[in-house]
PDB file of all heavy atoms in Angstrom:
ATOM      1  N   LEU A   1       7.161  -6.414  -0.309  1.00  0.00           N
ATOM      2  CA  LEU A   1       6.482  -6.224   0.979  1.00  0.00           C
ATOM      3  C   LEU A   1       5.453  -5.221   0.783  1.00  0.00           C
ATOM      4  O   LEU A   1       5.596  -4.196   0.068  1.00  0.00           O
ATOM      5  CB  LEU A   1       7.392  -5.842   2.078  1.00  0.00           C
ATOM      6  CG  LEU A   1       8.565  -6.809   2.542  1.00  0.00           C
ATOM      7  CD1 LEU A   1       9.386  -5.942   3.556  1.00  0.00           C
ATOM      8  CD2 LEU A   1       7.964  -7.942   3.182  1.00  0.00           C
ATOM      9  N   SER A   2       4.286  -5.392   1.427  1.00  0.00           N
ATOM     10  CA  SER A   2       3.231  -4.364   1.293  1.00  0.00           C
ATOM     11  C   SER A   2       2.491  -4.349   2.630  1.00  0.00           C
ATOM     12  O   SER A   2       2.237  -5.346   3.270  1.00  0.00           O
ATOM     13  CB  SER A   2       2.219  -4.667   0.117  1.00  0.00           C
ATOM     14  OG  SER A   2       1.731  -5.968   0.250  1.00  0.00           O
ATOM     15  N   PHE A   3       2.097  -3.175   3.029  1.00  0.00           N
ATOM     16  CA  PHE A   3       1.418  -2.906   4.409  1.00  0.00           C
ATOM     17  C   PHE A   3       0.718  -1.658   4.308  1.00  0.00           C
ATOM     18  O   PHE A   3       0.916  -0.740   3.471  1.00  0.00           O
ATOM     19  CB  PHE A   3       2.418  -3.043   5.588  1.00  0.00           C
ATOM     20  CG  PHE A   3       3.726  -2.206   5.478  1.00  0.00           C
ATOM     21  CD1 PHE A   3       3.659  -0.888   6.006  1.00  0.00           C
ATOM     22  CD2 PHE A   3       4.803  -2.631   4.978  1.00  0.00           C
ATOM     23  CE1 PHE A   3       4.736  -0.211   5.906  1.00  0.00           C
ATOM     24  CE2 PHE A   3       5.974  -1.834   4.864  1.00  0.00           C
ATOM     25  CZ  PHE A   3       5.975  -0.504   5.455  1.00  0.00           C
ATOM     26  N   ILE A   4      -0.023  -1.513   5.353  1.00  0.00           N
ATOM     27  CA  ILE A   4      -0.787  -0.227   5.507  1.00  0.00           C
ATOM     28  C   ILE A   4      -0.477   0.419   6.811  1.00  0.00           C
ATOM     29  O   ILE A   4      -0.226  -0.306   7.943  1.00  0.00           O
ATOM     30  CB  ILE A   4      -2.379  -0.606   5.637  1.00  0.00           C
ATOM     31  CG1 ILE A   4      -2.970  -1.277   4.450  1.00  0.00           C
ATOM     32  CG2 ILE A   4      -3.213   0.628   6.041  1.00  0.00           C
ATOM     33  CD1 ILE A   4      -4.246  -1.811   4.385  1.00  0.00           C
ATOM     34  N   ARG A   5      -0.366   1.708   6.770  1.00  0.00           N
ATOM     35  CA  ARG A   5      -0.064   2.538   8.023  1.00  0.00           C
ATOM     36  C   ARG A   5      -1.339   3.262   8.275  1.00  0.00           C
ATOM     37  O   ARG A   5      -1.847   3.922   7.257  1.00  0.00           O
ATOM     38  CB  ARG A   5       1.198   3.377   7.912  1.00  0.00           C
ATOM     39  CG  ARG A   5       2.440   2.676   7.778  1.00  0.00           C
ATOM     40  CD  ARG A   5       2.829   1.924   9.122  1.00  0.00           C
ATOM     41  NE  ARG A   5       2.621   2.808  10.210  1.00  0.00           N
ATOM     42  CZ  ARG A   5       3.454   3.731  10.619  1.00  0.00           C
ATOM     43  NH1 ARG A   5       4.746   3.847  10.088  1.00  0.00           N
ATOM     44  NH2 ARG A   5       3.241   4.473  11.797  1.00  0.00           N
ATOM     45  N   ARG A   6      -1.857   3.509   9.493  1.00  0.00           N
ATOM     46  CA  ARG A   6      -3.027   4.190   9.842  1.00  0.00           C
ATOM     47  C   ARG A   6      -2.734   5.178  10.870  1.00  0.00           C
ATOM     48  O   ARG A   6      -1.963   5.122  11.706  1.00  0.00           O
ATOM     49  CB  ARG A   6      -4.095   3.196  10.296  1.00  0.00           C
ATOM     50  CG  ARG A   6      -4.439   2.161   9.351  1.00  0.00           C
ATOM     51  CD  ARG A   6      -5.468   1.205  10.042  1.00  0.00           C
ATOM     52  NE  ARG A   6      -5.659  -0.026   9.394  1.00  0.00           N
ATOM     53  CZ  ARG A   6      -6.368  -0.160   8.332  1.00  0.00           C
ATOM     54  NH1 ARG A   6      -7.020   0.893   7.784  1.00  0.00           N
ATOM     55  NH2 ARG A   6      -6.623  -1.273   7.778  1.00  0.00           N
ATOM     56  N   GLY A   7      -3.463   6.394  10.605  1.00  0.00           N
ATOM     57  CA  GLY A   7      -3.505   7.511  11.617  1.00  0.00           C
ATOM     58  C   GLY A   7      -4.763   7.211  12.620  1.00  0.00           C
ATOM     59  O   GLY A   7      -5.493   6.236  12.502  1.00  0.00           O
ATOM     60  N   LYS A   8      -5.002   8.287  13.445  1.00  0.00           N
ATOM     61  CA  LYS A   8      -6.025   8.229  14.390  1.00  0.00           C
ATOM     62  C   LYS A   8      -7.420   8.212  13.597  1.00  0.00           C
ATOM     63  O   LYS A   8      -8.386   7.577  13.947  1.00  0.00           O
ATOM     64  CB  LYS A   8      -5.985   9.253  15.327  1.00  0.00           C
ATOM     65  CG  LYS A   8      -4.850   9.089  16.295  1.00  0.00           C
ATOM     66  CD  LYS A   8      -4.776  10.332  17.349  1.00  0.00           C
ATOM     67  CE  LYS A   8      -3.577  10.139  18.239  1.00  0.00           C
ATOM     68  NZ  LYS A   8      -3.370  11.325  19.028  1.00  0.00           N
ATOM     69  N   ASN A   9      -7.542   9.126  12.613  1.00  0.00           N
ATOM     70  CA  ASN A   9      -8.622   9.258  11.741  1.00  0.00           C
ATOM     71  C   ASN A   9      -8.615   8.084  10.747  1.00  0.00           C
ATOM     72  O   ASN A   9      -7.606   7.856  10.010  1.00  0.00           O
ATOM     73  CB  ASN A   9      -8.522  10.562  11.071  1.00  0.00           C
ATOM     74  CG  ASN A   9      -9.736  10.768  10.094  1.00  0.00           C
ATOM     75  OD1 ASN A   9     -10.442   9.902   9.746  1.00  0.00           O
ATOM     76  ND2 ASN A   9      -9.908  12.112   9.909  1.00  0.00           N
ATOM     77  N   PRO A  10      -9.676   7.303  10.683  1.00  0.00           N
ATOM     78  CA  PRO A  10      -9.745   6.304   9.622  1.00  0.00           C
ATOM     79  C   PRO A  10      -9.468   6.675   8.228  1.00  0.00           C
ATOM     80  O   PRO A  10      -8.985   5.764   7.374  1.00  0.00           O
ATOM     81  CB  PRO A  10     -11.133   5.659   9.707  1.00  0.00           C
ATOM     82  CG  PRO A  10     -11.628   6.166  11.064  1.00  0.00           C
ATOM     83  CD  PRO A  10     -10.893   7.405  11.423  1.00  0.00           C
ATOM     84  N   GLU A  11      -9.631   7.923   7.856  1.00  0.00           N
ATOM     85  CA  GLU A  11      -9.320   8.383   6.516  1.00  0.00           C
ATOM     86  C   GLU A  11      -7.899   8.455   6.277  1.00  0.00           C
ATOM     87  O   GLU A  11      -7.418   8.622   5.215  1.00  0.00           O
ATOM     88  CB  GLU A  11     -10.089   9.765   6.347  1.00  0.00           C
ATOM     89  CG  GLU A  11     -11.632   9.647   6.315  1.00  0.00           C
ATOM     90  CD  GLU A  11     -12.115   9.173   5.095  1.00  0.00           C
ATOM     91  OE1 GLU A  11     -11.683   9.515   4.032  1.00  0.00           O
ATOM     92  OE2 GLU A  11     -13.197   8.383   5.176  1.00  0.00           O
ATOM     93  N   ASP A  12      -7.107   8.633   7.378  1.00  0.00           N
ATOM     94  CA  ASP A  12      -5.641   8.821   7.192  1.00  0.00           C
ATOM     95  C   ASP A  12      -4.950   7.384   7.150  1.00  0.00           C
ATOM     96  O   ASP A  12      -4.714   6.821   8.243  1.00  0.00           O
ATOM     97  CB  ASP A  12      -5.079   9.543   8.384  1.00  0.00           C
ATOM     98  CG  ASP A  12      -5.470  11.072   8.438  1.00  0.00           C
ATOM     99  OD1 ASP A  12      -5.702  11.559   7.404  1.00  0.00           O
ATOM    100  OD2 ASP A  12      -5.650  11.594   9.552  1.00  0.00           O
ATOM    101  N   LEU A  13      -4.585   7.082   5.934  1.00  0.00           N
ATOM    102  CA  LEU A  13      -3.891   5.746   5.684  1.00  0.00           C
ATOM    103  C   LEU A  13      -2.887   6.014   4.574  1.00  0.00           C
ATOM    104  O   LEU A  13      -3.202   6.586   3.618  1.00  0.00           O
ATOM    105  CB  LEU A  13      -4.809   4.599   5.632  1.00  0.00           C
ATOM    106  CG  LEU A  13      -5.660   4.450   4.532  1.00  0.00           C
ATOM    107  CD1 LEU A  13      -5.120   3.799   3.387  1.00  0.00           C
ATOM    108  CD2 LEU A  13      -6.960   3.598   4.998  1.00  0.00           C
ATOM    109  N   ILE A  14      -1.910   5.133   4.606  1.00  0.00           N
ATOM    110  CA  ILE A  14      -0.908   5.107   3.517  1.00  0.00           C
ATOM    111  C   ILE A  14      -0.763   3.602   3.377  1.00  0.00           C
ATOM    112  O   ILE A  14      -0.499   2.794   4.134  1.00  0.00           O
ATOM    113  CB  ILE A  14       0.382   5.762   3.942  1.00  0.00           C
ATOM    114  CG1 ILE A  14       0.147   7.286   4.059  1.00  0.00           C
ATOM    115  CG2 ILE A  14       1.453   5.453   2.970  1.00  0.00           C
ATOM    116  CD1 ILE A  14       1.406   8.063   4.342  1.00  0.00           C
ATOM    117  N   VAL A  15      -0.684   3.248   2.086  1.00  0.00           N
ATOM    118  CA  VAL A  15      -0.351   1.921   1.640  1.00  0.00           C
ATOM    119  C   VAL A  15       1.138   1.993   1.081  1.00  0.00           C
ATOM    120  O   VAL A  15       1.452   2.762   0.166  1.00  0.00           O
ATOM    121  CB  VAL A  15      -1.197   1.421   0.453  1.00  0.00           C
ATOM    122  CG1 VAL A  15      -0.707   0.105  -0.094  1.00  0.00           C
ATOM    123  CG2 VAL A  15      -2.659   1.336   0.852  1.00  0.00           C
ATOM    124  N   ALA A  16       1.991   1.248   1.721  1.00  0.00           N
ATOM    125  CA  ALA A  16       3.399   1.140   1.247  1.00  0.00           C
ATOM    126  C   ALA A  16       3.635  -0.176   0.703  1.00  0.00           C
ATOM    127  O   ALA A  16       3.243  -1.248   1.102  1.00  0.00           O
ATOM    128  CB  ALA A  16       4.345   1.241   2.661  1.00  0.00           C
ATOM    129  N   VAL A  17       4.292  -0.123  -0.593  1.00  0.00           N
ATOM    130  CA  VAL A  17       4.649  -1.212  -1.252  1.00  0.00           C
ATOM    131  C   VAL A  17       6.180  -1.126  -1.573  1.00  0.00           C
ATOM    132  O   VAL A  17       6.666  -0.074  -2.138  1.00  0.00           O
ATOM    133  CB  VAL A  17       3.863  -1.265  -2.658  1.00  0.00           C
ATOM    134  CG1 VAL A  17       4.464  -2.535  -3.580  1.00  0.00           C
ATOM    135  CG2 VAL A  17       2.400  -1.268  -2.394  1.00  0.00           C
ATOM    136  N   ILE A  18       6.938  -2.137  -1.053  1.00  0.00           N
ATOM    137  CA  ILE A  18       8.331  -2.076  -1.140  1.00  0.00           C
ATOM    138  C   ILE A  18       8.897  -3.247  -2.159  1.00  0.00           C
ATOM    139  O   ILE A  18       8.636  -4.414  -1.773  1.00  0.00           O
ATOM    140  CB  ILE A  18       9.029  -2.157   0.250  1.00  0.00           C
ATOM    141  CG1 ILE A  18       8.372  -1.457   1.316  1.00  0.00           C
ATOM    142  CG2 ILE A  18      10.449  -2.270   0.252  1.00  0.00           C
ATOM    143  CD1 ILE A  18       8.779   0.019   1.221  1.00  0.00           C
ATOM    144  N   ASN A  19       9.462  -2.726  -3.104  1.00  0.00           N
ATOM    145  CA  ASN A  19      10.146  -3.804  -4.066  1.00  0.00           C
ATOM    146  C   ASN A  19      11.565  -3.704  -3.889  1.00  0.00           C
ATOM    147  O   ASN A  19      12.324  -2.713  -4.000  1.00  0.00           O
ATOM    148  CB  ASN A  19       9.866  -3.353  -5.487  1.00  0.00           C
ATOM    149  CG  ASN A  19      10.615  -4.183  -6.548  1.00  0.00           C
ATOM    150  OD1 ASN A  19      11.254  -5.217  -6.139  1.00  0.00           O
ATOM    151  ND2 ASN A  19      10.591  -3.868  -7.730  1.00  0.00           N
ATOM    152  N   ALA A  20      12.128  -4.803  -3.204  1.00  0.00           N
ATOM    153  CA  ALA A  20      13.579  -4.819  -2.783  1.00  0.00           C
ATOM    154  C   ALA A  20      14.474  -5.378  -3.780  1.00  0.00           C
ATOM    155  O   ALA A  20      15.491  -5.885  -3.515  1.00  0.00           O
ATOM    156  CB  ALA A  20      13.656  -5.635  -1.435  1.00  0.00           C
ATOM    157  N   THR A  21      14.182  -5.132  -5.092  1.00  0.00           N
ATOM    158  CA  THR A  21      15.056  -5.664  -6.134  1.00  0.00           C
ATOM    159  C   THR A  21      15.066  -4.571  -7.101  1.00  0.00           C
ATOM    160  O   THR A  21      14.347  -3.697  -7.234  1.00  0.00           O
ATOM    161  CB  THR A  21      14.379  -6.885  -6.736  1.00  0.00           C
ATOM    162  OG1 THR A  21      13.340  -6.470  -7.664  1.00  0.00           O
ATOM    163  CG2 THR A  21      14.100  -8.089  -5.866  1.00  0.00           C
ATOM    164  N   PRO A  22      16.082  -4.586  -7.967  1.00  0.00           N
ATOM    165  CA  PRO A  22      16.174  -3.643  -9.119  1.00  0.00           C
ATOM    166  C   PRO A  22      15.252  -4.000 -10.320  1.00  0.00           C
ATOM    167  O   PRO A  22      15.151  -3.350 -11.331  1.00  0.00           O
ATOM    168  CB  PRO A  22      17.619  -3.654  -9.572  1.00  0.00           C
ATOM    169  CG  PRO A  22      18.096  -5.058  -9.125  1.00  0.00           C
ATOM    170  CD  PRO A  22      17.181  -5.405  -7.943  1.00  0.00           C
ATOM    171  N   VAL A  23      14.510  -5.086 -10.192  1.00  0.00           N
ATOM    172  CA  VAL A  23      13.607  -5.599 -11.288  1.00  0.00           C
ATOM    173  C   VAL A  23      12.324  -5.010 -11.098  1.00  0.00           C
ATOM    174  O   VAL A  23      11.628  -4.987  -9.970  1.00  0.00           O
ATOM    175  CB  VAL A  23      13.610  -7.086 -11.121  1.00  0.00           C
ATOM    176  CG1 VAL A  23      12.583  -7.665 -12.368  1.00  0.00           C
ATOM    177  CG2 VAL A  23      14.925  -7.733 -11.296  1.00  0.00           C
ATOM    178  N   THR A  24      11.665  -4.439 -12.249  1.00  0.00           N
ATOM    179  CA  THR A  24      10.317  -4.022 -12.160  1.00  0.00           C
ATOM    180  C   THR A  24       9.391  -5.034 -12.041  1.00  0.00           C
ATOM    181  O   THR A  24       9.469  -6.065 -12.694  1.00  0.00           O
ATOM    182  CB  THR A  24       9.987  -3.156 -13.545  1.00  0.00           C
ATOM    183  OG1 THR A  24      11.029  -2.135 -13.627  1.00  0.00           O
ATOM    184  CG2 THR A  24       8.640  -2.611 -13.479  1.00  0.00           C
ATOM    185  N   ARG A  25       8.376  -4.825 -11.125  1.00  0.00           N
ATOM    186  CA  ARG A  25       7.404  -5.973 -10.769  1.00  0.00           C
ATOM    187  C   ARG A  25       6.040  -5.371 -11.233  1.00  0.00           C
ATOM    188  O   ARG A  25       5.791  -4.193 -11.080  1.00  0.00           O
ATOM    189  CB  ARG A  25       7.352  -6.255  -9.325  1.00  0.00           C
ATOM    190  CG  ARG A  25       8.682  -6.789  -8.653  1.00  0.00           C
ATOM    191  CD  ARG A  25       8.988  -8.123  -9.136  1.00  0.00           C
ATOM    192  NE  ARG A  25      10.202  -8.526  -8.440  1.00  0.00           N
ATOM    193  CZ  ARG A  25      11.011  -9.410  -8.833  1.00  0.00           C
ATOM    194  NH1 ARG A  25      10.672  -9.969  -9.978  1.00  0.00           N
ATOM    195  NH2 ARG A  25      12.040  -9.734  -8.135  1.00  0.00           N
ATOM    196  N   GLY A  26       5.253  -6.215 -11.907  1.00  0.00           N
ATOM    197  CA  GLY A  26       3.909  -5.827 -12.227  1.00  0.00           C
ATOM    198  C   GLY A  26       2.942  -6.895 -12.029  1.00  0.00           C
ATOM    199  O   GLY A  26       3.196  -7.905 -11.511  1.00  0.00           O
ATOM    200  N   GLY A  27       1.699  -6.484 -12.240  1.00  0.00           N
ATOM    201  CA  GLY A  27       0.609  -7.462 -12.042  1.00  0.00           C
ATOM    202  C   GLY A  27       0.096  -7.599 -10.662  1.00  0.00           C
ATOM    203  O   GLY A  27      -0.684  -8.449 -10.349  1.00  0.00           O
ATOM    204  N   TYR A  28       0.452  -6.601  -9.692  1.00  0.00           N
ATOM    205  CA  TYR A  28      -0.060  -6.642  -8.448  1.00  0.00           C
ATOM    206  C   TYR A  28      -1.383  -6.005  -8.243  1.00  0.00           C
ATOM    207  O   TYR A  28      -1.564  -4.967  -8.909  1.00  0.00           O
ATOM    208  CB  TYR A  28       1.027  -6.044  -7.439  1.00  0.00           C
ATOM    209  CG  TYR A  28       2.191  -6.867  -7.158  1.00  0.00           C
ATOM    210  CD1 TYR A  28       3.397  -6.771  -7.880  1.00  0.00           C
ATOM    211  CD2 TYR A  28       2.090  -7.841  -6.032  1.00  0.00           C
ATOM    212  CE1 TYR A  28       4.504  -7.556  -7.591  1.00  0.00           C
ATOM    213  CE2 TYR A  28       3.231  -8.662  -5.755  1.00  0.00           C
ATOM    214  CZ  TYR A  28       4.376  -8.509  -6.610  1.00  0.00           C
ATOM    215  OH  TYR A  28       5.399  -9.364  -6.326  1.00  0.00           O
ATOM    216  N   ARG A  29      -2.232  -6.484  -7.481  1.00  0.00           N
ATOM    217  CA  ARG A  29      -3.554  -5.760  -7.097  1.00  0.00           C
ATOM    218  C   ARG A  29      -3.681  -5.757  -5.704  1.00  0.00           C
ATOM    219  O   ARG A  29      -3.485  -6.741  -5.090  1.00  0.00           O
ATOM    220  CB  ARG A  29      -4.696  -6.525  -7.856  1.00  0.00           C
ATOM    221  CG  ARG A  29      -4.461  -6.374  -9.418  1.00  0.00           C
ATOM    222  CD  ARG A  29      -5.749  -6.913 -10.061  1.00  0.00           C
ATOM    223  NE  ARG A  29      -6.920  -6.188  -9.571  1.00  0.00           N
ATOM    224  CZ  ARG A  29      -8.045  -6.025 -10.227  1.00  0.00           C
ATOM    225  NH1 ARG A  29      -8.268  -6.595 -11.358  1.00  0.00           N
ATOM    226  NH2 ARG A  29      -8.921  -5.254  -9.740  1.00  0.00           N
ATOM    227  N   TRP A  30      -4.132  -4.666  -5.146  1.00  0.00           N
ATOM    228  CA  TRP A  30      -4.388  -4.555  -3.783  1.00  0.00           C
ATOM    229  C   TRP A  30      -5.785  -3.896  -3.603  1.00  0.00           C
ATOM    230  O   TRP A  30      -6.066  -3.036  -4.333  1.00  0.00           O
ATOM    231  CB  TRP A  30      -3.471  -3.690  -2.931  1.00  0.00           C
ATOM    232  CG  TRP A  30      -2.099  -4.368  -2.844  1.00  0.00           C
ATOM    233  CD1 TRP A  30      -1.688  -5.297  -1.914  1.00  0.00           C
ATOM    234  CD2 TRP A  30      -0.935  -4.196  -3.653  1.00  0.00           C
ATOM    235  NE1 TRP A  30      -0.380  -5.699  -2.055  1.00  0.00           N
ATOM    236  CE2 TRP A  30       0.198  -5.001  -3.153  1.00  0.00           C
ATOM    237  CE3 TRP A  30      -0.729  -3.412  -4.760  1.00  0.00           C
ATOM    238  CZ2 TRP A  30       1.382  -5.083  -3.783  1.00  0.00           C
ATOM    239  CZ3 TRP A  30       0.553  -3.421  -5.470  1.00  0.00           C
ATOM    240  CH2 TRP A  30       1.540  -4.212  -4.775  1.00  0.00           C
ATOM    241  N   VAL A  31      -6.436  -4.337  -2.520  1.00  0.00           N
ATOM    242  CA  VAL A  31      -7.733  -3.725  -2.364  1.00  0.00           C
ATOM    243  C   VAL A  31      -7.466  -2.807  -1.103  1.00  0.00           C
ATOM    244  O   VAL A  31      -7.039  -3.102   0.022  1.00  0.00           O
ATOM    245  CB  VAL A  31      -8.875  -4.754  -1.684  1.00  0.00           C
ATOM    246  CG1 VAL A  31     -10.087  -4.046  -1.393  1.00  0.00           C
ATOM    247  CG2 VAL A  31      -9.082  -5.707  -2.936  1.00  0.00           C
ATOM    248  N   CYS A  32      -7.697  -1.415  -1.312  1.00  0.00           N
ATOM    249  CA  CYS A  32      -7.541  -0.487  -0.340  1.00  0.00           C
ATOM    250  C   CYS A  32      -8.732  -0.365   0.597  1.00  0.00           C
ATOM    251  O   CYS A  32      -9.917  -0.412   0.098  1.00  0.00           O
ATOM    252  CB  CYS A  32      -7.268   0.825  -0.899  1.00  0.00           C
ATOM    253  SG  CYS A  32      -5.621   0.922  -1.796  1.00  0.00           S
ATOM    254  N   PRO A  33      -8.581  -0.057   1.843  1.00  0.00           N
ATOM    255  CA  PRO A  33      -9.743  -0.123   2.693  1.00  0.00           C
ATOM    256  C   PRO A  33     -10.771   0.984   2.485  1.00  0.00           C
ATOM    257  O   PRO A  33     -11.958   0.748   2.891  1.00  0.00           O
ATOM    258  CB  PRO A  33      -9.155   0.150   4.188  1.00  0.00           C
ATOM    259  CG  PRO A  33      -7.669  -0.292   3.972  1.00  0.00           C
ATOM    260  CD  PRO A  33      -7.354  -0.031   2.520  1.00  0.00           C
ATOM    261  N   THR A  34     -10.327   2.067   1.910  1.00  0.00           N
ATOM    262  CA  THR A  34     -11.361   3.167   1.536  1.00  0.00           C
ATOM    263  C   THR A  34     -11.001   3.698   0.216  1.00  0.00           C
ATOM    264  O   THR A  34      -9.842   3.826  -0.129  1.00  0.00           O
ATOM    265  CB  THR A  34     -11.320   4.332   2.641  1.00  0.00           C
ATOM    266  OG1 THR A  34     -10.070   4.996   2.561  1.00  0.00           O
ATOM    267  CG2 THR A  34     -11.636   3.819   4.055  1.00  0.00           C
ATOM    268  N   PRO A  35     -11.959   4.179  -0.542  1.00  0.00           N
ATOM    269  CA  PRO A  35     -11.859   4.816  -1.867  1.00  0.00           C
ATOM    270  C   PRO A  35     -10.836   6.070  -1.675  1.00  0.00           C
ATOM    271  O   PRO A  35      -9.968   6.319  -2.606  1.00  0.00           O
ATOM    272  CB  PRO A  35     -13.118   5.131  -2.386  1.00  0.00           C
ATOM    273  CG  PRO A  35     -14.072   4.237  -1.574  1.00  0.00           C
ATOM    274  CD  PRO A  35     -13.394   4.083  -0.355  1.00  0.00           C
ATOM    275  N   ALA A  36     -10.999   6.751  -0.749  1.00  0.00           N
ATOM    276  CA  ALA A  36     -10.185   7.981  -0.571  1.00  0.00           C
ATOM    277  C   ALA A  36      -8.777   7.682  -0.457  1.00  0.00           C
ATOM    278  O   ALA A  36      -7.901   8.610  -0.771  1.00  0.00           O
ATOM    279  CB  ALA A  36     -10.754   8.701   0.700  1.00  0.00           C
TER     280      ALA A  36
END
């Protein structure tokens, strides 16, 4: 699962990526809303 959490300031955000297995996952790419 992957999602974004945002604060009141647009610069305040966190990207959460949840791997619910014991298996390492690779090859994922996400575009983040801001470079910061």
